[in-house]
Amino acid sequence: MKLLILLLVVGYAAGAWFFMKGAKRMYQDDQVWKLALIWPALFLTSSQFRRNFQRALKP
């Protein structure tokens, strides 16, 4: 159980980190922090955010 929680936290942090690195091209700095905090919910519910998330991960 602890391993699952650890993997979820690491996955969340990794997703936020990679998103923040590339999202500055599409969003303002203050928006990037807010979006990085709630990225899993937005990724599941918003097709526009999924497209932007994928663009942010590309170099």
Protein backbone atom coordinates (compact mmCIF):
# COMPACT_ATOMS: atom_id res chain seq x y z
CA MET A 1 0.00 0.00 0.00
CA LYS A 2 2.81 2.40 0.87
CA LEU A 3 4.50 1.60 -2.43
CA LEU A 4 1.34 2.50 -4.34
CA ILE A 5 1.07 5.83 -2.54
CA LEU A 6 4.73 6.53 -3.22
CA LEU A 7 4.29 5.75 -6.92
CA LEU A 8 1.26 8.04 -7.14
CA VAL A 9 3.14 10.90 -5.48
CA VAL A 10 6.16 10.41 -7.73
CA GLY A 11 3.93 10.26 -10.82
CA TYR A 12 2.09 13.41 -9.78
CA ALA A 13 5.34 15.28 -9.14
CA ALA A 14 6.91 14.09 -12.40
CA GLY A 15 3.85 15.13 -14.40
CA ALA A 16 3.82 18.56 -12.76
CA TRP A 17 7.55 19.04 -13.34
CA PHE A 18 7.47 18.11 -17.03
CA PHE A 19 4.34 20.19 -17.57
CA MET A 20 5.86 23.25 -15.92
CA LYS A 21 9.00 23.01 -18.03
CA GLY A 22 7.10 23.28 -21.30
CA ALA A 23 3.93 25.14 -20.33
CA LYS A 24 5.64 28.51 -20.05
CA ARG A 25 5.33 28.75 -23.84
CA MET A 26 1.52 28.62 -23.60
CA TYR A 27 0.63 30.05 -20.18
CA GLN A 28 1.81 32.90 -17.96
CA ASP A 29 4.11 32.08 -15.04
CA ASP A 30 1.44 32.51 -12.37
CA GLN A 31 -0.95 30.29 -14.31
CA VAL A 32 1.64 27.54 -14.72
CA TRP A 33 1.91 26.99 -10.95
CA LYS A 34 -1.86 26.79 -10.54
CA LEU A 35 -2.26 24.41 -13.46
CA ALA A 36 0.62 22.24 -12.25
CA LEU A 37 -1.16 21.76 -8.93
CA ILE A 38 -4.41 20.55 -10.50
CA TRP A 39 -3.10 18.94 -13.69
CA PRO A 40 -4.50 15.42 -13.03
CA ALA A 41 -8.09 16.66 -12.74
CA LEU A 42 -7.75 18.86 -15.80
CA PHE A 43 -6.10 16.06 -17.76
CA LEU A 44 -9.03 13.75 -17.06
CA THR A 45 -11.79 16.28 -17.78
CA SER A 46 -10.57 18.69 -20.47
CA SER A 47 -9.64 17.70 -24.02
CA GLN A 48 -8.13 21.16 -24.63
CA PHE A 49 -5.88 20.75 -21.59
CA ARG A 50 -4.81 17.28 -22.79
CA ARG A 51 -3.71 18.78 -26.11
CA ASN A 52 -1.81 21.57 -24.36
CA PHE A 53 -0.29 19.08 -21.90
CA GLN A 54 1.01 17.00 -24.79
CA ARG A 55 2.42 20.12 -26.46
CA ALA A 56 4.11 21.12 -23.22
CA LEU A 57 5.86 17.75 -22.99
CA LYS A 58 7.31 18.06 -26.49
CA PRO A 59 10.73 19.73 -26.74
